[in-house]
Amino acid sequence: MSTLGTLLRDLVPGPDGIAAHIPEGWMQGRTAFGGITAALALAAARLALPDLPRLRTMQVAYLRPIGADVTLHVSLVRAGRTSSFVRVEACAQDAIGATFLFVFGAARPSRHRHDHAPAPALPAPGDCPAFLPGGAGPNFLGRFNLKLAEGPHLVTGSDTPAFTTWSRLADDSDVPPEIALVCIADSLPPAAMTGFRTLAPISTITWTLDLARIPDRNDWISIRTASLQADEGYSVQDMALHDAGGRLIGSAQQLVALFD
């Protein structure tokens, strides 16, 4: 099994970009799972520009399916006194499949410090059922341990398009917490799928992830995801991520195409 740690070790820098291979186990139908592409793009940015400070935010546009062989092109857009903007383009078959904008920022003194987004009270991961009983779902979901902590299951015709999971990589050996976090943050299907009555395709179009902190180590992360609105074949999705101690890790937004 090709773990994320293995894929990171196998990145190959070259004159035309950083080459990566995404095996079948990380695929979602005919395209690579978005979270693995994002994790590899972040790793490529770190490899090309090793002195970057902490990741603060990322914005992604998924343009077309990405196959197994990917070349990651890294460019420094701007380096300021405290923040650096880095663009990574993931190319497959000579076409851009996804474009990433990462913002890295050093800590600076500030009089303002608060945290108004505590985690909801949830049962422990060991007390929660499997998110997808019986190992159903696309290949990449087998790379995660996912527990349903709150809310309905997918494809149940629910009127409540929201749920919360405990999530972590099934094997996080040799994976920096920052890169593991980015991969995990995209691990869940859109909350709108709780209202589906039969399985149907979906596709993430854009994704923004704003980070309050990076965990010190790899551990369970709670992710609450909700569809704020769905109409005309699109869902506006909002997510909140907390660490096992209940501290906010970050918030995310996605626009997802629904083919149902």
C-alpha atoms as a PDB file:
ATOM      1  CA  MET A   1       0.000   0.000   0.000  1.00  0.00           C
ATOM      2  CA  SER A   2       1.414   3.392  -1.009  1.00  0.00           C
ATOM      3  CA  THR A   3       1.081   5.602   2.045  1.00  0.00           C
ATOM      4  CA  LEU A   4       1.265   9.380   1.980  1.00  0.00           C
ATOM      5  CA  GLY A   5       4.705   9.131   3.572  1.00  0.00           C
ATOM      6  CA  THR A   6       5.846   6.951   0.673  1.00  0.00           C
ATOM      7  CA  LEU A   7       4.498   9.403  -1.906  1.00  0.00           C
ATOM      8  CA  LEU A   8       6.329  12.261  -0.192  1.00  0.00           C
ATOM      9  CA  ARG A   9       9.613  10.354  -0.226  1.00  0.00           C
ATOM     10  CA  ASP A  10       9.137   9.554  -3.917  1.00  0.00           C
ATOM     11  CA  LEU A  11       8.802  13.170  -5.087  1.00  0.00           C
ATOM     12  CA  VAL A  12      11.415  13.775  -7.791  1.00  0.00           C
ATOM     13  CA  PRO A  13      12.700  17.338  -8.358  1.00  0.00           C
ATOM     14  CA  GLY A  14      13.771  18.101 -11.922  1.00  0.00           C
ATOM     15  CA  PRO A  15      14.370  20.984 -14.320  1.00  0.00           C
ATOM     16  CA  ASP A  16      10.749  20.884 -15.488  1.00  0.00           C
ATOM     17  CA  GLY A  17       9.110  20.654 -12.065  1.00  0.00           C
ATOM     18  CA  ILE A  18       8.645  18.117  -9.296  1.00  0.00           C
ATOM     19  CA  ALA A  19       7.329  14.757 -10.471  1.00  0.00           C
ATOM     20  CA  ALA A  20       4.841  12.728  -8.431  1.00  0.00           C
ATOM     21  CA  HIS A  21       3.051   9.452  -9.013  1.00  0.00           C
ATOM     22  CA  ILE A  22      -0.412   8.932  -7.512  1.00  0.00           C
ATOM     23  CA  PRO A  23      -1.340   5.225  -7.334  1.00  0.00           C
ATOM     24  CA  GLU A  24      -4.804   3.739  -7.772  1.00  0.00           C
ATOM     25  CA  GLY A  25      -5.458   3.638  -4.042  1.00  0.00           C
ATOM     26  CA  TRP A  26      -5.542   7.442  -3.918  1.00  0.00           C
ATOM     27  CA  MET A  27      -7.931   7.863  -6.844  1.00  0.00           C
ATOM     28  CA  GLN A  28     -11.539   9.055  -6.850  1.00  0.00           C
ATOM     29  CA  GLY A  29     -13.002   7.576  -9.990  1.00  0.00           C
ATOM     30  CA  ARG A  30     -10.988   8.860 -12.947  1.00  0.00           C
ATOM     31  CA  THR A  31      -9.184  11.596 -11.022  1.00  0.00           C
ATOM     32  CA  ALA A  32      -6.831  11.788  -8.081  1.00  0.00           C
ATOM     33  CA  PHE A  33      -8.431  12.564  -4.726  1.00  0.00           C
ATOM     34  CA  GLY A  34      -8.180  16.322  -4.232  1.00  0.00           C
ATOM     35  CA  GLY A  35      -6.618  16.080  -0.784  1.00  0.00           C
ATOM     36  CA  ILE A  36      -3.672  14.004  -1.999  1.00  0.00           C
ATOM     37  CA  THR A  37      -3.019  16.455  -4.824  1.00  0.00           C
ATOM     38  CA  ALA A  38      -3.113  19.338  -2.324  1.00  0.00           C
ATOM     39  CA  ALA A  39      -0.792  17.524   0.085  1.00  0.00           C
ATOM     40  CA  LEU A  40       1.717  16.821  -2.685  1.00  0.00           C
ATOM     41  CA  ALA A  41       1.481  20.422  -3.918  1.00  0.00           C
ATOM     42  CA  LEU A  42       2.262  21.690  -0.414  1.00  0.00           C
ATOM     43  CA  ALA A  43       5.151  19.240  -0.110  1.00  0.00           C
ATOM     44  CA  ALA A  44       6.475  20.452  -3.467  1.00  0.00           C
ATOM     45  CA  ALA A  45       6.328  24.061  -2.265  1.00  0.00           C
ATOM     46  CA  ARG A  46       8.286  23.106   0.854  1.00  0.00           C
ATOM     47  CA  LEU A  47      10.797  21.159  -1.227  1.00  0.00           C
ATOM     48  CA  ALA A  48      11.384  24.010  -3.668  1.00  0.00           C
ATOM     49  CA  LEU A  49      11.331  26.786  -1.040  1.00  0.00           C
ATOM     50  CA  PRO A  50      12.502  25.222   2.245  1.00  0.00           C
ATOM     51  CA  ASP A  51      12.678  28.454   4.274  1.00  0.00           C
ATOM     52  CA  LEU A  52       8.969  29.284   4.099  1.00  0.00           C
ATOM     53  CA  PRO A  53       7.255  30.093   7.436  1.00  0.00           C
ATOM     54  CA  ARG A  54       4.057  28.447   8.662  1.00  0.00           C
ATOM     55  CA  LEU A  55       1.155  27.798   6.297  1.00  0.00           C
ATOM     56  CA  ARG A  56      -1.708  30.222   6.966  1.00  0.00           C
ATOM     57  CA  THR A  57      -4.151  29.668   4.114  1.00  0.00           C
ATOM     58  CA  MET A  58      -4.560  27.904   0.793  1.00  0.00           C
ATOM     59  CA  GLN A  59      -6.894  28.365  -2.153  1.00  0.00           C
ATOM     60  CA  VAL A  60      -7.470  25.696  -4.771  1.00  0.00           C
ATOM     61  CA  ALA A  61      -9.248  25.517  -8.113  1.00  0.00           C
ATOM     62  CA  TYR A  62      -9.722  22.037  -9.578  1.00  0.00           C
ATOM     63  CA  LEU A  63      -9.831  22.468 -13.348  1.00  0.00           C
ATOM     64  CA  ARG A  64      -9.905  18.957 -14.813  1.00  0.00           C
ATOM     65  CA  PRO A  65      -9.230  15.328 -13.830  1.00  0.00           C
ATOM     66  CA  ILE A  66      -5.684  14.552 -12.679  1.00  0.00           C
ATOM     67  CA  GLY A  67      -4.243  11.154 -13.539  1.00  0.00           C
ATOM     68  CA  ALA A  68      -1.531   9.067 -11.945  1.00  0.00           C
ATOM     69  CA  ASP A  69       1.517  10.987 -13.193  1.00  0.00           C
ATOM     70  CA  VAL A  70       1.658  14.609 -12.113  1.00  0.00           C
ATOM     71  CA  THR A  71       4.233  17.376 -12.464  1.00  0.00           C
ATOM     72  CA  LEU A  72       4.144  20.125  -9.844  1.00  0.00           C
ATOM     73  CA  HIS A  73       5.376  23.564 -10.920  1.00  0.00           C
ATOM     74  CA  VAL A  74       6.250  25.849  -7.995  1.00  0.00           C
ATOM     75  CA  SER A  75       6.644  29.622  -8.290  1.00  0.00           C
ATOM     76  CA  LEU A  76       7.172  32.283  -5.645  1.00  0.00           C
ATOM     77  CA  VAL A  77       4.598  34.971  -6.433  1.00  0.00           C
ATOM     78  CA  ARG A  78       5.631  37.390  -3.688  1.00  0.00           C
ATOM     79  CA  ALA A  79       7.896  37.353  -0.645  1.00  0.00           C
ATOM     80  CA  GLY A  80       7.012  40.072   1.854  1.00  0.00           C
ATOM     81  CA  ARG A  81       8.463  40.846   5.273  1.00  0.00           C
ATOM     82  CA  THR A  82       6.203  38.357   7.050  1.00  0.00           C
ATOM     83  CA  SER A  83       4.172  36.621   4.335  1.00  0.00           C
ATOM     84  CA  SER A  84       5.060  34.665   1.202  1.00  0.00           C
ATOM     85  CA  PHE A  85       2.652  33.774  -1.608  1.00  0.00           C
ATOM     86  CA  VAL A  86       3.448  30.583  -3.519  1.00  0.00           C
ATOM     87  CA  ARG A  87       1.638  29.208  -6.562  1.00  0.00           C
ATOM     88  CA  VAL A  88       1.745  25.517  -7.451  1.00  0.00           C
ATOM     89  CA  GLU A  89       0.269  24.158 -10.667  1.00  0.00           C
ATOM     90  CA  ALA A  90      -0.444  20.434 -10.850  1.00  0.00           C
ATOM     91  CA  CYS A  91      -0.109  19.337 -14.469  1.00  0.00           C
ATOM     92  CA  ALA A  92      -1.061  16.009 -16.011  1.00  0.00           C
ATOM     93  CA  GLN A  93      -0.840  15.142 -19.708  1.00  0.00           C
ATOM     94  CA  ASP A  94       0.495  18.638 -20.475  1.00  0.00           C
ATOM     95  CA  ALA A  95      -2.582  20.372 -19.038  1.00  0.00           C
ATOM     96  CA  ILE A  96      -3.123  22.148 -15.719  1.00  0.00           C
ATOM     97  CA  GLY A  97      -5.383  19.982 -13.579  1.00  0.00           C
ATOM     98  CA  ALA A  98      -5.377  22.131 -10.441  1.00  0.00           C
ATOM     99  CA  THR A  99      -3.877  25.410  -9.316  1.00  0.00           C
ATOM    100  CA  PHE A 100      -2.964  26.162  -5.705  1.00  0.00           C
ATOM    101  CA  LEU A 101      -2.160  29.426  -3.955  1.00  0.00           C
ATOM    102  CA  PHE A 102      -0.469  28.945  -0.584  1.00  0.00           C
ATOM    103  CA  VAL A 103       0.165  31.805   1.831  1.00  0.00           C
ATOM    104  CA  PHE A 104       2.876  31.279   4.435  1.00  0.00           C
ATOM    105  CA  GLY A 105       3.233  33.733   7.297  1.00  0.00           C
ATOM    106  CA  ALA A 106       5.572  34.176  10.246  1.00  0.00           C
ATOM    107  CA  ALA A 107       4.139  34.912  13.688  1.00  0.00           C
ATOM    108  CA  ARG A 108       4.246  38.537  14.782  1.00  0.00           C
ATOM    109  CA  PRO A 109       3.386  40.388  18.019  1.00  0.00           C
ATOM    110  CA  SER A 110      -0.262  41.356  18.445  1.00  0.00           C
ATOM    111  CA  ARG A 111      -2.439  42.684  21.271  1.00  0.00           C
ATOM    112  CA  HIS A 112      -5.360  40.582  20.062  1.00  0.00           C
ATOM    113  CA  ARG A 113      -5.860  36.975  21.034  1.00  0.00           C
ATOM    114  CA  HIS A 114      -9.158  35.091  21.242  1.00  0.00           C
ATOM    115  CA  ASP A 115     -10.808  31.852  20.219  1.00  0.00           C
ATOM    116  CA  HIS A 116     -14.583  31.995  19.733  1.00  0.00           C
ATOM    117  CA  ALA A 117     -14.979  28.671  17.921  1.00  0.00           C
ATOM    118  CA  PRO A 118     -14.856  25.866  20.492  1.00  0.00           C
ATOM    119  CA  ALA A 119     -15.519  22.330  19.318  1.00  0.00           C
ATOM    120  CA  PRO A 120     -18.946  20.762  19.913  1.00  0.00           C
ATOM    121  CA  ALA A 121     -19.178  18.041  22.544  1.00  0.00           C
ATOM    122  CA  LEU A 122     -18.612  14.766  20.700  1.00  0.00           C
ATOM    123  CA  PRO A 123     -18.299  11.115  21.675  1.00  0.00           C
ATOM    124  CA  ALA A 124     -14.759   9.756  21.583  1.00  0.00           C
ATOM    125  CA  PRO A 125     -13.616   8.241  18.272  1.00  0.00           C
ATOM    126  CA  GLY A 126     -13.658   4.765  19.771  1.00  0.00           C
ATOM    127  CA  ASP A 127     -17.342   5.176  20.631  1.00  0.00           C
ATOM    128  CA  CYS A 128     -18.391   6.243  17.119  1.00  0.00           C
ATOM    129  CA  PRO A 129     -19.484   4.009  14.234  1.00  0.00           C
ATOM    130  CA  ALA A 130     -17.558   3.797  10.982  1.00  0.00           C
ATOM    131  CA  PHE A 131     -18.352   6.648   8.624  1.00  0.00           C
ATOM    132  CA  LEU A 132     -18.925   4.231   5.735  1.00  0.00           C
ATOM    133  CA  PRO A 133     -19.754   0.772   7.074  1.00  0.00           C
ATOM    134  CA  GLY A 134     -18.436  -2.117   5.030  1.00  0.00           C
ATOM    135  CA  GLY A 135     -15.682  -0.157   3.303  1.00  0.00           C
ATOM    136  CA  ALA A 136     -17.975   1.449   0.719  1.00  0.00           C
ATOM    137  CA  GLY A 137     -16.968   4.497  -1.283  1.00  0.00           C
ATOM    138  CA  PRO A 138     -14.130   5.498  -3.612  1.00  0.00           C
ATOM    139  CA  ASN A 139     -10.657   3.999  -3.277  1.00  0.00           C
ATOM    140  CA  PHE A 140      -9.054   6.890  -1.421  1.00  0.00           C
ATOM    141  CA  LEU A 141     -11.380   6.591   1.589  1.00  0.00           C
ATOM    142  CA  GLY A 142      -9.520   3.416   2.523  1.00  0.00           C
ATOM    143  CA  ARG A 143      -6.501   5.623   3.298  1.00  0.00           C
ATOM    144  CA  PHE A 144      -8.337   7.195   6.232  1.00  0.00           C
ATOM    145  CA  ASN A 145      -9.865   6.217   9.539  1.00  0.00           C
ATOM    146  CA  LEU A 146     -13.238   7.994   9.568  1.00  0.00           C
ATOM    147  CA  LYS A 147     -15.803   7.825  12.376  1.00  0.00           C
ATOM    148  CA  LEU A 148     -19.267   9.385  12.265  1.00  0.00           C
ATOM    149  CA  ALA A 149     -19.534  11.460  15.442  1.00  0.00           C
ATOM    150  CA  GLU A 150     -22.771  13.316  14.717  1.00  0.00           C
ATOM    151  CA  GLY A 151     -25.401  13.615  11.992  1.00  0.00           C
ATOM    152  CA  PRO A 152     -26.890  11.392   9.289  1.00  0.00           C
ATOM    153  CA  HIS A 153     -25.112   8.942   7.021  1.00  0.00           C
ATOM    154  CA  LEU A 154     -24.659   9.681   3.329  1.00  0.00           C
ATOM    155  CA  VAL A 155     -27.325   8.760   0.767  1.00  0.00           C
ATOM    156  CA  THR A 156     -30.160   8.495   3.283  1.00  0.00           C
ATOM    157  CA  GLY A 157     -32.471  11.192   1.882  1.00  0.00           C
ATOM    158  CA  SER A 158     -31.886  13.264   5.005  1.00  0.00           C
ATOM    159  CA  ASP A 159     -33.233  16.799   5.359  1.00  0.00           C
ATOM    160  CA  THR A 160     -30.173  17.690   7.462  1.00  0.00           C
ATOM    161  CA  PRO A 161     -27.177  18.280   5.155  1.00  0.00           C
ATOM    162  CA  ALA A 162     -24.579  18.348   7.934  1.00  0.00           C
ATOM    163  CA  PHE A 163     -22.474  15.864   9.868  1.00  0.00           C
ATOM    164  CA  THR A 164     -19.331  15.647  11.997  1.00  0.00           C
ATOM    165  CA  THR A 165     -16.585  13.061  11.820  1.00  0.00           C
ATOM    166  CA  TRP A 166     -13.431  12.108  13.614  1.00  0.00           C
ATOM    167  CA  SER A 167     -10.812  11.763  10.890  1.00  0.00           C
ATOM    168  CA  ARG A 168      -7.172  10.753  10.572  1.00  0.00           C
ATOM    169  CA  LEU A 169      -4.847   9.038   8.121  1.00  0.00           C
ATOM    170  CA  ALA A 170      -4.807   5.266   8.384  1.00  0.00           C
ATOM    171  CA  ASP A 171      -0.999   5.447   8.164  1.00  0.00           C
ATOM    172  CA  ASP A 172       0.640   8.773   8.983  1.00  0.00           C
ATOM    173  CA  SER A 173       4.201   7.471   9.264  1.00  0.00           C
ATOM    174  CA  ASP A 174       6.781  10.013   8.068  1.00  0.00           C
ATOM    175  CA  VAL A 175       4.113  12.617   7.285  1.00  0.00           C
ATOM    176  CA  PRO A 176       4.602  16.126   8.735  1.00  0.00           C
ATOM    177  CA  PRO A 177       1.460  17.253  10.624  1.00  0.00           C
ATOM    178  CA  GLU A 178       0.998  20.230   8.278  1.00  0.00           C
ATOM    179  CA  ILE A 179       0.829  17.999   5.210  1.00  0.00           C
ATOM    180  CA  ALA A 180      -1.305  15.368   6.952  1.00  0.00           C
ATOM    181  CA  LEU A 181      -3.757  18.105   7.947  1.00  0.00           C
ATOM    182  CA  VAL A 182      -4.196  19.345   4.373  1.00  0.00           C
ATOM    183  CA  CYS A 183      -4.833  15.798   3.165  1.00  0.00           C
ATOM    184  CA  ILE A 184      -7.331  15.037   5.953  1.00  0.00           C
ATOM    185  CA  ALA A 185      -9.170  18.345   5.522  1.00  0.00           C
ATOM    186  CA  ASP A 186     -10.489  17.213   2.123  1.00  0.00           C
ATOM    187  CA  SER A 187     -11.276  13.628   3.123  1.00  0.00           C
ATOM    188  CA  LEU A 188     -15.054  13.951   3.489  1.00  0.00           C
ATOM    189  CA  PRO A 189     -17.696  13.775   0.765  1.00  0.00           C
ATOM    190  CA  PRO A 190     -19.866  16.915   0.586  1.00  0.00           C
ATOM    191  CA  ALA A 191     -22.543  17.176   3.250  1.00  0.00           C
ATOM    192  CA  ALA A 192     -25.186  17.600   0.542  1.00  0.00           C
ATOM    193  CA  MET A 193     -24.800  13.871  -0.127  1.00  0.00           C
ATOM    194  CA  THR A 194     -26.776  13.082   3.034  1.00  0.00           C
ATOM    195  CA  GLY A 195     -29.835  14.160   1.033  1.00  0.00           C
ATOM    196  CA  PHE A 196     -29.080  11.868  -1.918  1.00  0.00           C
ATOM    197  CA  ARG A 197     -31.345   8.824  -2.288  1.00  0.00           C
ATOM    198  CA  THR A 198     -28.986   7.028  -4.666  1.00  0.00           C
ATOM    199  CA  LEU A 199     -25.272   7.440  -5.341  1.00  0.00           C
ATOM    200  CA  ALA A 200     -24.434  10.091  -7.924  1.00  0.00           C
ATOM    201  CA  PRO A 201     -21.226  11.827  -9.014  1.00  0.00           C
ATOM    202  CA  ILE A 202     -19.923  14.975  -7.322  1.00  0.00           C
ATOM    203  CA  SER A 203     -16.932  17.177  -8.117  1.00  0.00           C
ATOM    204  CA  THR A 204     -15.169  19.797  -6.008  1.00  0.00           C
ATOM    205  CA  ILE A 205     -14.598  22.997  -7.984  1.00  0.00           C
ATOM    206  CA  THR A 206     -12.920  25.296  -5.451  1.00  0.00           C
ATOM    207  CA  TRP A 207     -11.606  24.893  -1.917  1.00  0.00           C
ATOM    208  CA  THR A 208     -10.301  27.436   0.596  1.00  0.00           C
ATOM    209  CA  LEU A 209      -8.661  26.376   3.863  1.00  0.00           C
ATOM    210  CA  ASP A 210      -7.795  29.018   6.501  1.00  0.00           C
ATOM    211  CA  LEU A 211      -5.638  27.725   9.350  1.00  0.00           C
ATOM    212  CA  ALA A 212      -5.675  28.933  12.944  1.00  0.00           C
ATOM    213  CA  ARG A 213      -2.964  26.497  14.038  1.00  0.00           C
ATOM    214  CA  ILE A 214      -1.046  23.433  12.899  1.00  0.00           C
ATOM    215  CA  PRO A 215      -1.230  20.396  15.226  1.00  0.00           C
ATOM    216  CA  ASP A 216       2.037  19.446  16.913  1.00  0.00           C
ATOM    217  CA  ARG A 217       1.528  15.793  16.022  1.00  0.00           C
ATOM    218  CA  ASN A 218      -0.741  13.616  13.932  1.00  0.00           C
ATOM    219  CA  ASP A 219      -3.919  12.720  15.808  1.00  0.00           C
ATOM    220  CA  TRP A 220      -7.677  12.581  15.408  1.00  0.00           C
ATOM    221  CA  ILE A 221      -9.257  15.724  13.950  1.00  0.00           C
ATOM    222  CA  SER A 222     -12.955  16.508  14.160  1.00  0.00           C
ATOM    223  CA  ILE A 223     -14.471  17.927  10.982  1.00  0.00           C
ATOM    224  CA  ARG A 224     -17.958  19.401  10.914  1.00  0.00           C
ATOM    225  CA  THR A 225     -19.225  19.895   7.389  1.00  0.00           C
ATOM    226  CA  ALA A 226     -22.491  21.491   6.304  1.00  0.00           C
ATOM    227  CA  SER A 227     -24.120  22.379   3.017  1.00  0.00           C
ATOM    228  CA  LEU A 228     -25.278  25.963   3.494  1.00  0.00           C
ATOM    229  CA  GLN A 229     -27.180  26.052   0.213  1.00  0.00           C
ATOM    230  CA  ALA A 230     -27.705  23.785  -2.769  1.00  0.00           C
ATOM    231  CA  ASP A 231     -29.413  24.703  -6.028  1.00  0.00           C
ATOM    232  CA  GLU A 232     -28.884  24.512  -9.789  1.00  0.00           C
ATOM    233  CA  GLY A 233     -26.452  21.618  -9.416  1.00  0.00           C
ATOM    234  CA  TYR A 234     -24.054  23.282  -6.959  1.00  0.00           C
ATOM    235  CA  SER A 235     -23.584  23.157  -3.190  1.00  0.00           C
ATOM    236  CA  VAL A 236     -21.952  25.829  -1.016  1.00  0.00           C
ATOM    237  CA  GLN A 237     -20.193  23.965   1.761  1.00  0.00           C
ATOM    238  CA  ASP A 238     -18.723  25.159   5.068  1.00  0.00           C
ATOM    239  CA  MET A 239     -16.386  23.206   7.359  1.00  0.00           C
ATOM    240  CA  ALA A 240     -14.789  23.620  10.792  1.00  0.00           C
ATOM    241  CA  LEU A 241     -11.817  21.564  11.979  1.00  0.00           C
ATOM    242  CA  HIS A 242     -10.806  21.049  15.630  1.00  0.00           C
ATOM    243  CA  ASP A 243      -8.041  19.070  17.276  1.00  0.00           C
ATOM    244  CA  ALA A 244      -8.616  16.298  19.805  1.00  0.00           C
ATOM    245  CA  GLY A 245      -8.407  18.879  22.601  1.00  0.00           C
ATOM    246  CA  GLY A 246     -11.237  20.956  21.131  1.00  0.00           C
ATOM    247  CA  ARG A 247      -9.109  23.811  19.777  1.00  0.00           C
ATOM    248  CA  LEU A 248      -9.944  25.309  16.403  1.00  0.00           C
ATOM    249  CA  ILE A 249      -7.522  24.212  13.691  1.00  0.00           C
ATOM    250  CA  GLY A 250      -9.177  26.005  10.817  1.00  0.00           C
ATOM    251  CA  SER A 251     -12.203  26.649   8.664  1.00  0.00           C
ATOM    252  CA  ALA A 252     -12.830  25.729   5.057  1.00  0.00           C
ATOM    253  CA  GLN A 253     -15.242  26.482   2.258  1.00  0.00           C
ATOM    254  CA  GLN A 254     -15.947  24.532  -0.916  1.00  0.00           C
ATOM    255  CA  LEU A 255     -18.064  24.872  -4.012  1.00  0.00           C
ATOM    256  CA  VAL A 256     -19.124  21.407  -5.142  1.00  0.00           C
ATOM    257  CA  ALA A 257     -20.872  20.344  -8.340  1.00  0.00           C
ATOM    258  CA  LEU A 258     -23.709  17.853  -7.756  1.00  0.00           C
ATOM    259  CA  PHE A 259     -24.747  15.564 -10.590  1.00  0.00           C
ATOM    260  CA  ASP A 260     -27.987  14.365  -8.982  1.00  0.00           C
END
